[in-house]
Amino acid sequence: MVTGGTGGLGAAVARHLVTERGARNLLLVSRRGPDAEGAGDLAAALEEAGARVTVAACDVGDRAALDALLADLPADRPLRAVVHAAGVLDDGVLDSLSPERLAAVLRPKADAAWHLHEATAGLPLDAFVLFSSVAGTFGSAGQANYAAGNAFLDALARHRRDRGLPAVSMAWGPWTRGSGMTGELTEADIARMSRAGMPPIDPEQGLALFDTVIGAADPAPALLPVRLDLAALRSLGEVPPLFRSLIRAQARRASDGGAAAAAGLTRRLAGLTRAEGEEVLLDLVRGQIATVLGHTGLADVEPTRAFQDLGFDSLTSVELRNRLGALTGVRLPATLLFDHPTPSELVAHLYTRVAPAPADGPGAVLAELDKLEKSFTGVEMGAELFDQVAGRLEVLRSKWQELRAEAVKGDEKAEEETFDFDSASDEDMFDMLDNELGLS
């Protein structure tokens, strides 16, 4: 029995079981069963290859439905092996994961696995294979629900092995498009995975790894068939903890490189006007946007177009935030693109965070006022805080006016001290007296 048997990954496994491993009786289970796209063609191809195939519609997350399915199996074709390859993705940042979104992912993955475990516990199975994901071990951005479901599968395999039951959980890395759960991902999604140090597995590699695990005499309960690009991992601003024993020294250099990049940006902005500095930042930001979205150049990144219209979702927004944080050396909030919804607005914000502050003089005063204005954003305005801040601002205003008055008096005194009575004309004398008497 192959759950998710009509989907991309399940179908690939079903073909492999028949053509390479000699399976002759298959039960392919999915929620839509024979109505699933391509199910009829798949069954016909497998039967032409010599297998007897049944395609069944069953929600394996429903224990009663699963029991009914197993009860209908013919006595001459008893269930001998299970491959649980079903799963659903519903990615999003943690704050967006409602109980409904969590349940929608856990039901076909974790609930179904537990029902399969209970329903087959008394059967003489030769194999019980769980298709898990590396997300449950390493963690993947935006996949808290999926990671939880797959961590459950890894634990279930150990649970079964501790009780003398066959089980192995294969925590796969991403597969290429059309061959697994990644079939619904875009080229930009695949590129993001590759930049994170985990390029996708092609079907030939994946099925060879499947054979290696199935053919092993005593495989560990949970294994990770995954490709790792250590060079890409070294280039990350911060190496994930589970990889640090592989690239410990390089991870430190990567961190130093991030600090050097931030320092280099500060040097580039030094001495530029605000308009010039924002132009430099805009090119850098547009370059990062193009990388995240998979564009080959900056032409598709319009500065005044909303990030949502450019194609950003919660995952790519977080990745851009992380990349800009490493580039600027500034800790940026997860809501960065929501707070500043276009590249131009984002650049204006980043400039206030990274531009070198004037050491002294009028520029320093204005820079501090900019910081003060920014600090007002998001403050909960209570009556007590309002009165305190208003009072301090009034004191500062009074001091500022006093400084101005002193400056004016100083200028007038300087004019008096430099007035040359000996060489002054009658008109100059009258003008001076008018000024003193307030007549002009």
Protein backbone atom coordinates (compact mmCIF):
# COMPACT_ATOMS: atom_id res chain seq x y z
CA MET A 1 0.00 0.00 0.00
CA VAL A 2 1.26 3.44 -0.97
CA THR A 3 -0.53 6.41 0.59
CA GLY A 4 -0.42 9.54 -1.53
CA GLY A 5 -0.02 6.94 -4.28
CA THR A 6 -1.47 9.07 -7.08
CA GLY A 7 0.63 12.16 -6.30
CA GLY A 8 4.03 13.05 -7.74
CA LEU A 9 6.22 11.33 -5.15
CA GLY A 10 3.85 8.42 -4.47
CA ALA A 11 3.44 7.72 -8.17
CA ALA A 12 7.21 7.73 -8.67
CA VAL A 13 7.61 5.23 -5.84
CA ALA A 14 4.80 3.04 -7.21
CA ARG A 15 6.44 2.87 -10.64
CA HIS A 16 9.79 2.05 -9.03
CA LEU A 17 8.28 -0.73 -6.88
CA VAL A 18 6.87 -2.38 -9.99
CA THR A 19 9.63 -1.84 -12.55
CA GLU A 20 12.70 -2.15 -10.32
CA ARG A 21 11.67 -4.11 -7.23
CA GLY A 22 9.24 -6.57 -8.79
CA ALA A 23 6.09 -5.67 -6.86
CA ARG A 24 3.03 -7.30 -8.39
CA ASN A 25 0.13 -6.18 -6.20
CA LEU A 26 -0.30 -2.49 -5.37
CA LEU A 27 -2.93 -0.55 -3.48
CA LEU A 28 -2.59 3.16 -4.28
CA VAL A 29 -4.46 5.33 -1.81
CA SER A 30 -5.26 9.03 -2.02
CA ARG A 31 -8.10 11.29 -1.02
CA ARG A 32 -9.49 11.47 -4.55
CA GLY A 33 -8.48 7.96 -5.59
CA PRO A 34 -9.45 7.14 -9.20
CA ASP A 35 -10.61 10.75 -9.70
CA ALA A 36 -7.12 12.12 -9.07
CA GLU A 37 -5.43 13.65 -12.09
CA GLY A 38 -3.41 11.04 -13.94
CA ALA A 39 -4.57 8.15 -11.72
CA GLY A 40 -6.04 6.17 -14.62
CA ASP A 41 -2.93 6.50 -16.77
CA LEU A 42 -0.71 5.53 -13.84
CA ALA A 43 -2.72 2.40 -13.08
CA ALA A 44 -2.75 1.41 -16.75
CA ALA A 45 1.02 1.80 -17.05
CA LEU A 46 1.64 -0.26 -13.93
CA GLU A 47 -0.70 -3.01 -15.10
CA GLU A 48 1.01 -3.05 -18.48
CA ALA A 49 4.27 -3.60 -16.57
CA GLY A 50 2.76 -6.71 -14.97
CA ALA A 51 1.23 -5.47 -11.70
CA ARG A 52 -2.30 -5.78 -10.35
CA VAL A 53 -3.26 -2.27 -9.20
CA THR A 54 -6.12 -0.98 -7.09
CA VAL A 55 -6.62 2.79 -6.81
CA ALA A 56 -8.74 3.67 -3.77
CA ALA A 57 -10.16 6.92 -2.45
CA CYS A 58 -9.63 7.04 1.30
CA ASP A 59 -8.83 9.69 3.89
CA VAL A 60 -6.25 7.78 5.92
CA GLY A 61 -6.60 10.44 8.58
CA ASP A 62 -10.04 8.89 9.25
CA ARG A 63 -9.47 5.68 11.22
CA ALA A 64 -12.90 4.22 10.38
CA ALA A 65 -12.32 4.80 6.65
CA LEU A 66 -8.90 3.13 6.86
CA ASP A 67 -10.30 0.11 8.71
CA ALA A 68 -12.98 -0.30 6.04
CA LEU A 69 -10.34 -0.09 3.29
CA LEU A 70 -8.17 -2.79 4.89
CA ALA A 71 -11.18 -5.02 5.55
CA ASP A 72 -11.92 -5.07 1.80
CA LEU A 73 -8.47 -6.40 0.85
CA PRO A 74 -8.76 -9.82 -0.82
CA ALA A 75 -7.57 -12.78 1.24
CA ASP A 76 -5.22 -13.93 -1.52
CA ARG A 77 -3.46 -10.55 -1.53
CA PRO A 78 -2.76 -9.69 2.13
CA LEU A 79 -1.09 -6.45 3.07
CA ARG A 80 2.67 -6.99 3.44
CA ALA A 81 4.20 -3.51 3.18
CA VAL A 82 3.20 0.12 3.76
CA VAL A 83 4.78 3.22 2.22
CA HIS A 84 3.27 6.35 3.74
CA ALA A 85 4.08 9.10 1.25
CA ALA A 86 1.01 11.29 1.72
CA GLY A 87 1.36 14.89 2.85
CA VAL A 88 0.12 18.43 2.43
CA LEU A 89 2.02 21.72 2.53
CA ASP A 90 0.60 24.95 3.91
CA ASP A 91 3.63 27.13 4.58
CA GLY A 92 3.58 30.42 6.45
CA VAL A 93 5.36 32.32 9.20
CA LEU A 94 4.51 31.20 12.72
CA ASP A 95 2.07 34.00 13.54
CA SER A 96 -0.04 33.07 10.50
CA LEU A 97 -0.51 29.40 11.45
CA SER A 98 -4.01 29.04 12.81
CA PRO A 99 -5.25 25.82 14.46
CA GLU A 100 -7.02 25.01 11.20
CA ARG A 101 -3.84 25.37 9.14
CA LEU A 102 -1.96 23.24 11.64
CA ALA A 103 -4.60 20.50 11.59
CA ALA A 104 -4.76 20.50 7.78
CA VAL A 105 -1.07 19.56 7.61
CA LEU A 106 -0.94 17.18 10.59
CA ARG A 107 -3.99 15.11 9.58
CA PRO A 108 -2.64 13.53 6.35
CA LYS A 109 0.88 13.27 7.77
CA ALA A 110 0.85 12.48 11.51
CA ASP A 111 -2.74 11.35 12.13
CA ALA A 112 -2.65 9.08 9.10
CA ALA A 113 0.68 7.56 10.18
CA TRP A 114 -0.68 6.76 13.63
CA HIS A 115 -3.81 5.16 12.18
CA LEU A 116 -1.65 3.05 9.86
CA HIS A 117 0.45 1.99 12.84
CA GLU A 118 -2.55 0.93 14.90
CA ALA A 119 -4.50 -0.66 12.07
CA THR A 120 -1.57 -2.84 10.92
CA ALA A 121 -0.02 -3.65 14.31
CA GLY A 122 -1.30 -7.25 14.15
CA LEU A 123 -0.31 -7.90 10.54
CA PRO A 124 2.91 -9.66 9.48
CA LEU A 125 4.35 -6.70 7.61
CA ASP A 126 7.73 -6.90 5.91
CA ALA A 127 8.12 -3.11 5.73
CA PHE A 128 6.59 0.04 7.19
CA VAL A 129 8.21 3.02 5.44
CA LEU A 130 7.40 6.58 6.45
CA PHE A 131 8.26 9.42 4.08
CA SER A 132 9.26 12.19 6.44
CA SER A 133 11.02 15.50 5.74
CA VAL A 134 14.29 17.08 6.73
CA ALA A 135 12.15 19.98 7.99
CA GLY A 136 11.44 17.94 11.12
CA THR A 137 15.17 17.71 11.92
CA PHE A 138 16.78 20.91 10.67
CA GLY A 139 13.76 23.19 10.75
CA SER A 140 12.67 25.07 7.65
CA ALA A 141 11.55 28.67 7.41
CA GLY A 142 7.77 28.93 7.32
CA GLN A 143 7.20 25.20 7.89
CA ALA A 144 6.46 24.91 11.62
CA ASN A 145 3.34 22.83 10.95
CA TYR A 146 5.06 20.55 8.42
CA ALA A 147 8.14 20.17 10.65
CA ALA A 148 5.95 19.08 13.57
CA GLY A 149 4.16 16.45 11.49
CA ASN A 150 7.40 14.97 10.18
CA ALA A 151 9.09 14.97 13.58
CA PHE A 152 6.13 12.83 14.68
CA LEU A 153 6.85 10.34 11.87
CA ASP A 154 10.51 10.06 12.91
CA ALA A 155 9.43 9.40 16.49
CA LEU A 156 6.82 6.85 15.38
CA ALA A 157 9.46 4.83 13.55
CA ARG A 158 11.52 4.61 16.75
CA HIS A 159 8.38 3.76 18.71
CA ARG A 160 7.64 0.82 16.40
CA ARG A 161 11.21 -0.45 16.36
CA ASP A 162 11.31 -0.39 20.16
CA ARG A 163 8.30 -2.74 20.06
CA GLY A 164 9.76 -5.14 17.55
CA LEU A 165 7.74 -3.83 14.61
CA PRO A 166 9.26 -3.00 11.22
CA ALA A 167 9.68 0.71 10.54
CA VAL A 168 12.00 3.23 8.98
CA SER A 169 11.42 6.96 8.57
CA MET A 170 13.16 8.65 5.66
CA ALA A 171 13.46 12.40 6.30
CA TRP A 172 13.85 13.55 2.71
CA GLY A 173 15.40 16.73 1.51
CA PRO A 174 13.49 18.56 -1.25
CA TRP A 175 12.92 16.77 -4.56
CA THR A 176 12.99 18.45 -7.96
CA ARG A 177 9.77 19.91 -9.33
CA GLY A 178 7.10 17.45 -10.35
CA SER A 179 8.57 14.55 -8.37
CA GLY A 180 7.35 15.16 -4.86
CA MET A 181 5.95 17.70 -2.43
CA THR A 182 8.05 20.32 -4.23
CA GLY A 183 5.90 19.85 -7.33
CA GLU A 184 3.88 22.92 -6.32
CA LEU A 185 6.89 25.10 -5.60
CA THR A 186 8.22 27.71 -8.00
CA GLU A 187 11.69 27.95 -9.48
CA ALA A 188 12.34 30.75 -6.98
CA ASP A 189 11.43 28.39 -4.13
CA ILE A 190 13.88 25.79 -5.42
CA ALA A 191 16.56 28.46 -5.82
CA ARG A 192 15.94 29.54 -2.21
CA MET A 193 16.46 25.97 -1.00
CA SER A 194 19.69 25.73 -2.97
CA ARG A 195 20.97 29.00 -1.50
CA ALA A 196 20.19 27.58 1.94
CA GLY A 197 22.60 24.71 1.23
CA MET A 198 20.04 22.03 0.34
CA PRO A 199 19.72 21.55 -3.46
CA PRO A 200 16.83 19.32 -4.54
CA ILE A 201 17.14 15.59 -5.17
CA ASP A 202 16.28 14.38 -8.65
CA PRO A 203 14.07 11.27 -9.00
CA GLU A 204 16.93 8.94 -9.93
CA GLN A 205 18.92 9.97 -6.86
CA GLY A 206 15.87 9.72 -4.61
CA LEU A 207 14.84 6.26 -5.75
CA ALA A 208 18.43 5.01 -5.47
CA LEU A 209 18.48 6.24 -1.87
CA PHE A 210 15.13 4.52 -1.30
CA ASP A 211 16.63 1.22 -2.50
CA THR A 212 19.68 1.69 -0.29
CA VAL A 213 17.53 2.09 2.81
CA ILE A 214 15.04 -0.67 1.96
CA GLY A 215 17.86 -3.04 1.09
CA ALA A 216 19.85 -2.44 4.27
CA ALA A 217 19.93 -5.32 6.75
CA ASP A 218 19.23 -3.18 9.80
CA PRO A 219 18.83 0.53 8.97
CA ALA A 220 18.49 3.09 11.73
CA PRO A 221 14.86 3.93 12.56
CA ALA A 222 15.21 7.46 11.15
CA LEU A 223 17.52 8.43 8.32
CA LEU A 224 18.08 11.64 6.36
CA PRO A 225 18.41 11.18 2.59
CA VAL A 226 19.35 14.75 1.73
CA ARG A 227 21.85 16.62 -0.42
CA LEU A 228 24.02 19.19 1.34
CA ASP A 229 25.94 21.97 -0.40
CA LEU A 230 28.60 22.82 2.16
CA ALA A 231 29.88 25.76 0.10
CA ALA A 232 26.42 27.34 0.19
CA LEU A 233 26.17 26.67 3.92
CA ARG A 234 29.52 28.40 4.45
CA SER A 235 28.19 31.49 2.68
CA LEU A 236 25.29 31.89 5.14
CA GLY A 237 25.52 34.69 7.68
CA GLU A 238 24.91 32.15 10.42
CA VAL A 239 25.40 28.40 9.93
CA PRO A 240 22.50 26.30 11.29
CA PRO A 241 23.51 24.62 14.57
CA LEU A 242 23.31 21.02 13.29
CA PHE A 243 25.83 21.81 10.53
CA ARG A 244 28.46 23.51 12.69
CA SER A 245 30.51 20.37 13.30
CA LEU A 246 30.89 20.09 9.51
CA ILE A 247 31.98 23.66 8.81
CA ARG A 248 32.88 25.13 12.21
CA ALA A 249 35.85 27.25 11.11
CA GLN A 250 34.15 28.45 7.94
CA ALA A 251 31.10 29.52 9.95
CA ARG A 252 33.21 31.99 11.91
CA ARG A 253 34.60 33.43 8.71
CA ALA A 254 31.07 33.80 7.36
CA SER A 255 30.09 35.76 10.44
CA ASP A 256 33.14 37.97 10.11
CA GLY A 257 32.27 38.47 6.46
CA GLY A 258 28.83 39.73 7.43
CA ALA A 259 30.32 42.31 9.79
CA ALA A 260 32.79 43.35 7.08
CA ALA A 261 29.95 43.77 4.59
CA ALA A 262 28.05 46.02 6.99
CA ALA A 263 31.18 48.09 7.66
CA GLY A 264 31.81 48.37 3.93
CA LEU A 265 28.31 49.67 3.37
CA THR A 266 28.77 52.32 6.04
CA ARG A 267 31.99 53.45 4.35
CA ARG A 268 30.23 53.64 0.98
CA LEU A 269 27.56 55.93 2.43
CA ALA A 270 30.01 58.19 4.25
CA GLY A 271 30.24 61.63 2.65
CA LEU A 272 27.21 61.14 0.40
CA THR A 273 24.10 63.27 0.46
CA ARG A 274 20.91 61.54 1.52
CA ALA A 275 19.73 61.32 -2.08
CA GLU A 276 23.03 59.79 -3.17
CA GLY A 277 23.04 57.37 -0.24
CA GLU A 278 19.50 56.20 -0.90
CA GLU A 279 20.42 55.60 -4.55
CA VAL A 280 23.26 53.32 -3.44
CA LEU A 281 20.95 51.49 -1.04
CA LEU A 282 18.23 51.16 -3.68
CA ASP A 283 20.59 49.32 -6.04
CA LEU A 284 21.63 46.97 -3.25
CA VAL A 285 18.05 46.31 -2.14
CA ARG A 286 16.83 45.72 -5.69
CA GLY A 287 19.69 43.28 -6.20
CA GLN A 288 18.67 41.29 -3.13
CA ILE A 289 15.02 41.34 -4.24
CA ALA A 290 16.00 40.01 -7.66
CA THR A 291 17.99 37.19 -6.05
CA VAL A 292 15.16 36.17 -3.73
CA LEU A 293 12.54 36.21 -6.51
CA GLY A 294 14.80 34.51 -9.04
CA HIS A 295 15.11 37.42 -11.48
CA THR A 296 18.22 37.72 -13.64
CA GLY A 297 18.45 41.50 -13.29
CA LEU A 298 16.97 44.62 -11.72
CA ALA A 299 14.58 45.49 -14.56
CA ASP A 300 11.72 43.53 -12.99
CA VAL A 301 12.13 45.23 -9.60
CA GLU A 302 10.23 48.51 -9.79
CA PRO A 303 11.10 50.75 -6.81
CA THR A 304 7.54 52.03 -6.28
CA ARG A 305 5.73 48.73 -6.82
CA ALA A 306 4.36 46.97 -3.72
CA PHE A 307 6.27 43.91 -2.53
CA GLN A 308 3.07 41.87 -2.72
CA ASP A 309 2.68 42.80 -6.38
CA LEU A 310 6.33 41.93 -7.01
CA GLY A 311 5.56 38.37 -5.91
CA PHE A 312 6.59 38.27 -2.25
CA ASP A 313 4.93 35.93 0.23
CA SER A 314 5.64 35.31 3.91
CA LEU A 315 8.63 33.05 3.23
CA THR A 316 10.36 35.26 0.67
CA SER A 317 9.69 38.28 2.89
CA VAL A 318 11.54 36.62 5.75
CA GLU A 319 14.41 35.64 3.46
CA LEU A 320 14.76 39.21 2.17
CA ARG A 321 14.68 40.50 5.75
CA ASN A 322 17.47 38.07 6.68
CA ARG A 323 19.60 38.97 3.68
CA LEU A 324 19.22 42.71 4.29
CA GLY A 325 20.02 42.19 7.96
CA ALA A 326 23.27 40.44 7.05
CA LEU A 327 24.08 43.13 4.48
CA THR A 328 23.47 46.08 6.80
CA GLY A 329 24.42 44.57 10.15
CA VAL A 330 21.09 45.78 11.56
CA ARG A 331 18.52 43.60 13.33
CA LEU A 332 15.33 44.00 11.32
CA PRO A 333 11.78 42.93 12.29
CA ALA A 334 9.90 40.10 10.57
CA THR A 335 7.27 42.69 9.59
CA LEU A 336 9.83 44.77 7.66
CA LEU A 337 8.11 44.49 4.28
CA PHE A 338 4.67 45.01 5.81
CA ASP A 339 5.81 48.20 7.56
CA HIS A 340 7.56 49.50 4.41
CA PRO A 341 5.54 48.03 1.51
CA THR A 342 7.62 49.21 -1.48
CA PRO A 343 11.36 49.09 -2.21
CA SER A 344 11.54 52.91 -2.14
CA GLU A 345 9.92 53.11 1.28
CA LEU A 346 12.13 50.31 2.55
CA VAL A 347 15.25 52.11 1.33
CA ALA A 348 14.20 55.33 3.06
CA HIS A 349 13.83 53.38 6.31
CA LEU A 350 17.12 51.52 5.93
CA TYR A 351 18.96 54.76 5.27
CA THR A 352 17.97 56.09 8.68
CA ARG A 353 19.30 52.86 10.23
CA VAL A 354 22.65 52.56 8.46
CA ALA A 355 23.72 56.04 7.30
CA PRO A 356 26.72 57.34 9.27
CA ALA A 357 25.53 59.92 11.80
CA PRO A 358 27.25 63.33 11.63
CA ALA A 359 29.78 63.64 14.44
CA ASP A 360 28.71 67.18 15.36
CA GLY A 361 27.19 70.37 14.03
CA PRO A 362 23.74 70.96 12.53
CA GLY A 363 23.70 67.53 10.89
CA ALA A 364 24.06 65.77 14.22
CA VAL A 365 21.13 67.71 15.69
CA LEU A 366 18.88 66.92 12.75
CA ALA A 367 19.92 63.25 12.84
CA GLU A 368 18.93 63.01 16.50
CA LEU A 369 15.57 64.58 15.70
CA ASP A 370 15.05 61.95 12.97
CA LYS A 371 15.75 59.22 15.52
CA LEU A 372 13.35 60.81 17.98
CA GLU A 373 10.61 60.96 15.36
CA LYS A 374 11.15 57.29 14.47
CA SER A 375 10.94 56.30 18.13
CA PHE A 376 7.35 57.58 18.26
CA THR A 377 6.23 54.78 15.89
CA GLY A 378 4.36 52.01 17.67
CA VAL A 379 4.47 53.61 21.13
CA GLU A 380 1.38 53.00 23.25
CA MET A 381 0.20 56.53 24.00
CA GLY A 382 -0.97 56.73 27.60
CA ALA A 383 -1.87 60.00 29.33
CA GLU A 384 1.10 59.85 31.70
CA LEU A 385 3.61 59.18 28.91
CA PHE A 386 2.08 61.94 26.78
CA ASP A 387 2.46 64.48 29.60
CA GLN A 388 6.04 63.40 30.32
CA VAL A 389 7.15 63.63 26.71
CA ALA A 390 5.25 66.87 26.08
CA GLY A 391 6.93 68.42 29.12
CA ARG A 392 10.40 67.36 28.01
CA LEU A 393 9.77 68.64 24.50
CA GLU A 394 8.59 72.00 25.88
CA VAL A 395 11.75 72.29 28.00
CA LEU A 396 13.90 71.51 24.95
CA ARG A 397 11.96 74.05 22.91
CA SER A 398 12.56 76.73 25.53
CA LYS A 399 16.28 75.95 25.66
CA TRP A 400 16.45 76.05 21.88
CA GLN A 401 14.78 79.48 21.81
CA GLU A 402 17.20 80.72 24.49
CA LEU A 403 20.12 79.58 22.37
CA ARG A 404 18.68 81.38 19.40
CA ALA A 405 18.14 84.59 21.42
CA GLU A 406 21.72 84.43 22.67
CA ALA A 407 22.94 83.93 19.12
CA VAL A 408 20.98 86.99 17.93
CA LYS A 409 22.36 89.13 20.77
CA GLY A 410 25.83 87.93 19.96
CA ASP A 411 25.39 88.95 16.35
CA GLU A 412 24.11 92.41 17.35
CA LYS A 413 26.96 92.90 19.79
CA ALA A 414 29.42 91.90 17.13
CA GLU A 415 27.92 94.49 14.80
CA GLU A 416 28.25 97.17 17.46
CA GLU A 417 31.85 96.29 18.18
CA THR A 418 32.72 96.46 14.52
CA PHE A 419 30.90 99.80 13.89
CA ASP A 420 33.50 102.37 12.85
CA PHE A 421 32.27 105.76 14.13
CA ASP A 422 35.20 107.61 12.59
CA SER A 423 34.48 106.51 9.04
CA ALA A 424 30.66 106.20 9.28
CA SER A 425 28.58 108.49 7.15
CA ASP A 426 25.58 110.42 8.47
CA GLU A 427 23.27 107.83 6.88
CA ASP A 428 25.15 104.97 8.63
CA MET A 429 24.83 106.77 11.98
CA PHE A 430 21.06 107.31 11.54
CA ASP A 431 20.60 103.61 10.58
CA MET A 432 22.52 102.52 13.68
CA LEU A 433 20.44 104.73 15.97
CA ASP A 434 17.17 103.58 14.37
CA ASN A 435 18.18 99.98 15.03
CA GLU A 436 19.02 100.66 18.66
CA LEU A 437 15.77 102.53 19.25
CA GLY A 438 13.70 99.94 17.42
CA LEU A 439 12.57 102.44 14.79
CA SER A 440 13.56 100.33 11.80
